[in-house]
Amino acid sequence: MLIMGSFLIAVNGAASVTTTTNHIHDPENVVSGNAEFVREIESRLTEFESKTVIRVVVRYHTKLPSDEEDSEPGAFMRKLASQVGVLENGILEVYFANADEWRVWIGNQLTA
């Protein structure tokens, strides 16, 4: 029974297992359906981090932040960079699908 349960979890959860990453966050499933793309980008970001010690996190969102979330320039990105641990020494790239827009946060220590 345990083997069958594990098999079903592996089959039914395959997309979520293959898209679990350290660098790519896709809470709204903008690109997670494309497992090959996610694996390729994850591999490149892992290699970059191992060579530079700079962590890059990429997030995908379906829509832009609300005016409240983005009340001042950089407010949304600063908060998100802090949440994912790259506020000081890392890079955060966020794609907003509804606007076809990218935003980038470069950590404070990297810009000093």
N, C-alpha and C. Protein backbone atom coordinates (compact mmCIF):
# COMPACT_ATOMS: atom_id res chain seq x y z
N MET A 1 0.82 -1.19 0.00
CA MET A 1 0.00 0.00 0.00
C MET A 1 0.87 1.26 0.00
N LEU A 2 1.93 1.26 0.79
CA LEU A 2 2.83 2.40 0.83
C LEU A 2 3.47 2.64 -0.53
N ILE A 3 3.85 1.53 -1.19
CA ILE A 3 4.47 1.67 -2.51
C ILE A 3 3.48 2.28 -3.49
N MET A 4 2.25 1.79 -3.49
CA MET A 4 1.23 2.33 -4.39
C MET A 4 0.96 3.80 -4.08
N GLY A 5 0.89 4.15 -2.81
CA GLY A 5 0.68 5.54 -2.43
C GLY A 5 1.82 6.43 -2.89
N SER A 6 3.05 5.95 -2.74
CA SER A 6 4.22 6.72 -3.19
C SER A 6 4.20 6.89 -4.70
N PHE A 7 3.79 5.82 -5.40
CA PHE A 7 3.70 5.89 -6.85
C PHE A 7 2.67 6.94 -7.28
N LEU A 8 1.51 6.92 -6.64
CA LEU A 8 0.47 7.89 -6.99
C LEU A 8 0.90 9.32 -6.69
N ILE A 9 1.59 9.50 -5.58
CA ILE A 9 2.10 10.83 -5.26
C ILE A 9 3.11 11.26 -6.32
N ALA A 10 3.98 10.34 -6.71
CA ALA A 10 4.99 10.65 -7.72
C ALA A 10 4.35 11.01 -9.06
N VAL A 11 3.32 10.26 -9.45
CA VAL A 11 2.65 10.52 -10.73
C VAL A 11 1.80 11.78 -10.65
N ASN A 12 0.94 11.86 -9.66
CA ASN A 12 0.03 13.01 -9.55
C ASN A 12 0.75 14.29 -9.18
N GLY A 13 1.82 14.20 -8.44
CA GLY A 13 2.55 15.39 -8.02
C GLY A 13 3.76 15.67 -8.86
N ALA A 14 3.89 15.02 -10.00
CA ALA A 14 5.10 15.15 -10.81
C ALA A 14 5.40 16.59 -11.19
N ALA A 15 4.40 17.35 -11.60
CA ALA A 15 4.65 18.72 -12.01
C ALA A 15 5.17 19.55 -10.86
N SER A 16 4.59 19.38 -9.68
CA SER A 16 5.05 20.18 -8.55
C SER A 16 6.41 19.73 -8.07
N VAL A 17 6.71 18.45 -8.18
CA VAL A 17 8.02 17.96 -7.76
C VAL A 17 9.10 18.48 -8.69
N THR A 18 8.85 18.41 -10.00
CA THR A 18 9.87 18.82 -10.95
C THR A 18 10.06 20.33 -10.98
N THR A 19 9.09 21.09 -10.47
CA THR A 19 9.23 22.53 -10.50
C THR A 19 9.58 23.12 -9.13
N THR A 20 9.85 22.28 -8.16
CA THR A 20 10.30 22.78 -6.87
C THR A 20 11.74 23.23 -7.04
N THR A 21 12.01 24.49 -6.75
CA THR A 21 13.34 25.03 -7.02
C THR A 21 13.82 25.88 -5.85
N ASN A 22 15.08 26.21 -5.91
CA ASN A 22 15.67 27.09 -4.92
C ASN A 22 15.70 28.54 -5.39
N HIS A 23 15.69 28.75 -6.68
CA HIS A 23 15.83 30.10 -7.22
C HIS A 23 14.58 30.64 -7.89
N ILE A 24 13.71 29.76 -8.31
CA ILE A 24 12.51 30.18 -9.03
C ILE A 24 11.30 30.01 -8.13
N HIS A 25 10.56 31.10 -7.97
CA HIS A 25 9.34 31.08 -7.17
C HIS A 25 8.20 31.43 -8.12
N ASP A 26 7.27 30.53 -8.24
CA ASP A 26 6.14 30.74 -9.15
C ASP A 26 4.84 30.41 -8.43
N PRO A 27 4.48 31.22 -7.42
CA PRO A 27 3.31 30.90 -6.60
C PRO A 27 1.99 30.91 -7.37
N GLU A 28 1.95 31.57 -8.52
CA GLU A 28 0.71 31.65 -9.29
C GLU A 28 0.77 30.81 -10.56
N ASN A 29 1.78 29.94 -10.67
CA ASN A 29 1.93 29.00 -11.79
C ASN A 29 1.94 29.67 -13.16
N VAL A 30 2.71 30.74 -13.29
CA VAL A 30 2.84 31.42 -14.57
C VAL A 30 3.67 30.58 -15.54
N VAL A 31 4.78 29.99 -15.05
CA VAL A 31 5.65 29.18 -15.92
C VAL A 31 5.87 27.76 -15.41
N SER A 32 5.34 27.43 -14.25
CA SER A 32 5.61 26.12 -13.66
C SER A 32 5.14 24.95 -14.53
N GLY A 33 4.20 25.18 -15.42
CA GLY A 33 3.76 24.13 -16.31
C GLY A 33 4.81 23.73 -17.32
N ASN A 34 5.82 24.56 -17.51
CA ASN A 34 6.89 24.29 -18.45
C ASN A 34 8.11 23.80 -17.66
N ALA A 35 8.07 22.53 -17.26
CA ALA A 35 9.09 21.97 -16.38
C ALA A 35 10.49 22.04 -16.98
N GLU A 36 10.61 21.85 -18.30
CA GLU A 36 11.93 21.90 -18.93
C GLU A 36 12.54 23.30 -18.81
N PHE A 37 11.74 24.33 -19.05
CA PHE A 37 12.20 25.71 -18.91
C PHE A 37 12.64 25.98 -17.48
N VAL A 38 11.82 25.58 -16.52
CA VAL A 38 12.12 25.81 -15.11
C VAL A 38 13.42 25.11 -14.71
N ARG A 39 13.59 23.86 -15.13
CA ARG A 39 14.82 23.11 -14.81
C ARG A 39 16.05 23.79 -15.41
N GLU A 40 15.94 24.26 -16.64
CA GLU A 40 17.07 24.91 -17.31
C GLU A 40 17.47 26.20 -16.59
N ILE A 41 16.50 27.03 -16.27
CA ILE A 41 16.80 28.29 -15.58
C ILE A 41 17.34 28.00 -14.18
N GLU A 42 16.74 27.06 -13.49
CA GLU A 42 17.22 26.69 -12.15
C GLU A 42 18.67 26.23 -12.21
N SER A 43 19.01 25.43 -13.20
CA SER A 43 20.38 24.94 -13.36
C SER A 43 21.35 26.09 -13.58
N ARG A 44 20.98 27.02 -14.43
CA ARG A 44 21.85 28.18 -14.71
C ARG A 44 22.03 29.05 -13.47
N LEU A 45 20.95 29.27 -12.72
CA LEU A 45 21.05 30.10 -11.52
C LEU A 45 21.85 29.41 -10.43
N THR A 46 21.73 28.11 -10.31
CA THR A 46 22.53 27.35 -9.34
C THR A 46 24.01 27.47 -9.68
N GLU A 47 24.33 27.33 -10.96
CA GLU A 47 25.73 27.45 -11.40
C GLU A 47 26.25 28.87 -11.15
N PHE A 48 25.46 29.88 -11.47
CA PHE A 48 25.86 31.26 -11.25
C PHE A 48 26.14 31.51 -9.77
N GLU A 49 25.25 31.05 -8.91
CA GLU A 49 25.45 31.24 -7.47
C GLU A 49 26.70 30.53 -6.97
N SER A 50 26.96 29.34 -7.49
CA SER A 50 28.14 28.59 -7.03
C SER A 50 29.44 29.27 -7.45
N LYS A 51 29.41 30.01 -8.56
CA LYS A 51 30.62 30.69 -9.05
C LYS A 51 30.79 32.08 -8.47
N THR A 52 29.70 32.75 -8.11
CA THR A 52 29.78 34.15 -7.69
C THR A 52 29.39 34.40 -6.24
N VAL A 53 28.73 33.46 -5.61
CA VAL A 53 28.17 33.57 -4.27
C VAL A 53 27.08 34.66 -4.22
N ILE A 54 26.54 34.99 -5.35
CA ILE A 54 25.42 35.94 -5.43
C ILE A 54 24.17 35.13 -5.75
N ARG A 55 23.19 35.25 -4.88
CA ARG A 55 21.94 34.52 -5.06
C ARG A 55 20.99 35.33 -5.94
N VAL A 56 20.45 34.67 -6.94
CA VAL A 56 19.46 35.29 -7.82
C VAL A 56 18.15 34.53 -7.63
N VAL A 57 17.09 35.27 -7.36
CA VAL A 57 15.76 34.69 -7.22
C VAL A 57 14.88 35.29 -8.30
N VAL A 58 14.14 34.43 -8.98
CA VAL A 58 13.21 34.88 -10.02
C VAL A 58 11.80 34.51 -9.57
N ARG A 59 10.93 35.50 -9.60
CA ARG A 59 9.53 35.26 -9.22
C ARG A 59 8.63 35.62 -10.39
N TYR A 60 7.55 34.90 -10.50
CA TYR A 60 6.56 35.14 -11.55
C TYR A 60 5.22 35.44 -10.88
N HIS A 61 4.59 36.52 -11.33
CA HIS A 61 3.28 36.90 -10.82
C HIS A 61 2.34 37.14 -11.99
N THR A 62 1.07 36.89 -11.79
CA THR A 62 0.10 37.10 -12.86
C THR A 62 -0.21 38.58 -13.08
N LYS A 63 -0.09 39.39 -12.01
CA LYS A 63 -0.44 40.80 -12.17
C LYS A 63 0.50 41.69 -11.36
N LEU A 64 0.51 42.96 -11.74
CA LEU A 64 1.31 43.96 -11.04
C LEU A 64 0.82 44.11 -9.60
N PRO A 65 1.69 44.59 -8.71
CA PRO A 65 1.24 44.83 -7.34
C PRO A 65 0.21 45.96 -7.31
N SER A 66 -0.60 45.95 -6.26
CA SER A 66 -1.60 47.02 -6.11
C SER A 66 -0.89 48.33 -5.81
N ASP A 67 -1.61 49.43 -5.98
CA ASP A 67 -1.05 50.74 -5.66
C ASP A 67 -0.62 50.80 -4.20
N GLU A 68 -1.38 50.16 -3.34
CA GLU A 68 -1.05 50.14 -1.91
C GLU A 68 0.27 49.40 -1.67
N GLU A 69 0.44 48.24 -2.33
CA GLU A 69 1.68 47.46 -2.16
C GLU A 69 2.88 48.19 -2.74
N ASP A 70 2.64 49.03 -3.72
CA ASP A 70 3.72 49.71 -4.43
C ASP A 70 3.59 51.22 -4.24
N SER A 71 3.31 51.63 -3.00
CA SER A 71 2.98 53.02 -2.68
C SER A 71 4.12 54.00 -2.91
N GLU A 72 5.34 53.54 -2.87
CA GLU A 72 6.50 54.40 -3.15
C GLU A 72 7.46 53.60 -4.03
N PRO A 73 8.30 54.27 -4.80
CA PRO A 73 9.21 53.55 -5.69
C PRO A 73 10.05 52.51 -4.93
N GLY A 74 10.00 51.29 -5.41
CA GLY A 74 10.80 50.22 -4.81
C GLY A 74 10.18 49.53 -3.61
N ALA A 75 9.04 50.00 -3.13
CA ALA A 75 8.45 49.44 -1.90
C ALA A 75 8.13 47.96 -2.06
N PHE A 76 7.47 47.60 -3.14
CA PHE A 76 7.08 46.20 -3.35
C PHE A 76 8.32 45.31 -3.49
N MET A 77 9.27 45.76 -4.30
CA MET A 77 10.47 44.95 -4.54
C MET A 77 11.32 44.83 -3.28
N ARG A 78 11.44 45.89 -2.51
CA ARG A 78 12.21 45.86 -1.26
C ARG A 78 11.62 44.84 -0.29
N LYS A 79 10.31 44.88 -0.14
CA LYS A 79 9.64 43.94 0.77
C LYS A 79 9.82 42.50 0.28
N LEU A 80 9.64 42.28 -1.00
CA LEU A 80 9.78 40.93 -1.56
C LEU A 80 11.22 40.44 -1.46
N ALA A 81 12.18 41.31 -1.73
CA ALA A 81 13.61 40.94 -1.62
C ALA A 81 13.95 40.54 -0.20
N SER A 82 13.38 41.24 0.76
CA SER A 82 13.60 40.89 2.16
C SER A 82 13.00 39.52 2.48
N GLN A 83 11.80 39.27 1.98
CA GLN A 83 11.12 38.00 2.23
C GLN A 83 11.88 36.81 1.66
N VAL A 84 12.51 36.97 0.50
CA VAL A 84 13.21 35.84 -0.13
C VAL A 84 14.71 35.82 0.19
N GLY A 85 15.17 36.76 1.01
CA GLY A 85 16.54 36.73 1.51
C GLY A 85 17.61 37.31 0.61
N VAL A 86 17.24 38.23 -0.28
CA VAL A 86 18.25 38.83 -1.16
C VAL A 86 18.30 40.35 -1.02
N LEU A 87 17.77 40.89 0.05
CA LEU A 87 17.72 42.34 0.23
C LEU A 87 19.10 42.96 0.19
N GLU A 88 20.06 42.35 0.85
CA GLU A 88 21.40 42.94 0.95
C GLU A 88 22.38 42.43 -0.10
N ASN A 89 22.41 41.11 -0.30
CA ASN A 89 23.45 40.54 -1.17
C ASN A 89 22.84 39.54 -2.14
N GLY A 90 22.04 40.02 -3.04
CA GLY A 90 21.43 39.14 -4.02
C GLY A 90 20.67 39.95 -5.05
N ILE A 91 20.04 39.22 -5.94
CA ILE A 91 19.27 39.85 -7.02
C ILE A 91 17.89 39.20 -7.06
N LEU A 92 16.89 40.03 -7.21
CA LEU A 92 15.52 39.56 -7.35
C LEU A 92 14.97 40.07 -8.67
N GLU A 93 14.49 39.16 -9.49
CA GLU A 93 13.84 39.52 -10.75
C GLU A 93 12.39 39.07 -10.64
N VAL A 94 11.47 39.96 -10.94
CA VAL A 94 10.04 39.63 -10.87
C VAL A 94 9.39 39.95 -12.21
N TYR A 95 8.67 38.97 -12.72
CA TYR A 95 7.93 39.14 -13.97
C TYR A 95 6.44 39.24 -13.66
N PHE A 96 5.80 40.25 -14.23
CA PHE A 96 4.36 40.45 -14.06
C PHE A 96 3.69 40.18 -15.40
N ALA A 97 3.00 39.05 -15.50
CA ALA A 97 2.46 38.57 -16.78
C ALA A 97 1.44 39.52 -17.40
N ASN A 98 0.56 40.12 -16.60
CA ASN A 98 -0.49 40.95 -17.19
C ASN A 98 0.06 42.20 -17.86
N ALA A 99 1.22 42.66 -17.43
CA ALA A 99 1.83 43.85 -18.01
C ALA A 99 3.02 43.51 -18.89
N ASP A 100 3.37 42.22 -18.97
CA ASP A 100 4.57 41.78 -19.68
C ASP A 100 5.76 42.65 -19.25
N GLU A 101 5.93 42.75 -17.92
CA GLU A 101 6.91 43.67 -17.33
C GLU A 101 7.81 42.93 -16.35
N TRP A 102 9.10 43.24 -16.41
CA TRP A 102 10.08 42.74 -15.45
C TRP A 102 10.50 43.87 -14.53
N ARG A 103 10.72 43.55 -13.26
CA ARG A 103 11.34 44.49 -12.32
C ARG A 103 12.52 43.76 -11.68
N VAL A 104 13.56 44.52 -11.39
CA VAL A 104 14.78 43.93 -10.83
C VAL A 104 15.18 44.68 -9.56
N TRP A 105 15.51 43.91 -8.52
CA TRP A 105 16.08 44.45 -7.29
C TRP A 105 17.52 43.97 -7.22
N ILE A 106 18.44 44.89 -7.07
CA ILE A 106 19.85 44.52 -6.88
C ILE A 106 20.18 44.85 -5.44
N GLY A 107 20.67 43.85 -4.71
CA GLY A 107 20.92 43.98 -3.28
C GLY A 107 21.77 45.19 -2.92
N ASN A 108 21.50 45.74 -1.75
CA ASN A 108 22.17 46.95 -1.28
C ASN A 108 23.69 46.82 -1.30
N GLN A 109 24.23 45.68 -0.88
CA GLN A 109 25.69 45.50 -0.85
C GLN A 109 26.28 45.42 -2.25
N LEU A 110 25.50 44.99 -3.21
CA LEU A 110 26.00 44.88 -4.58
C LEU A 110 26.04 46.22 -5.29
N THR A 111 25.29 47.19 -4.79
CA THR A 111 25.26 48.50 -5.44
C THR A 111 26.12 49.53 -4.73
N ALA A 112 26.68 49.15 -3.59
CA ALA A 112 27.49 50.11 -2.81
C ALA A 112 28.87 50.29 -3.42
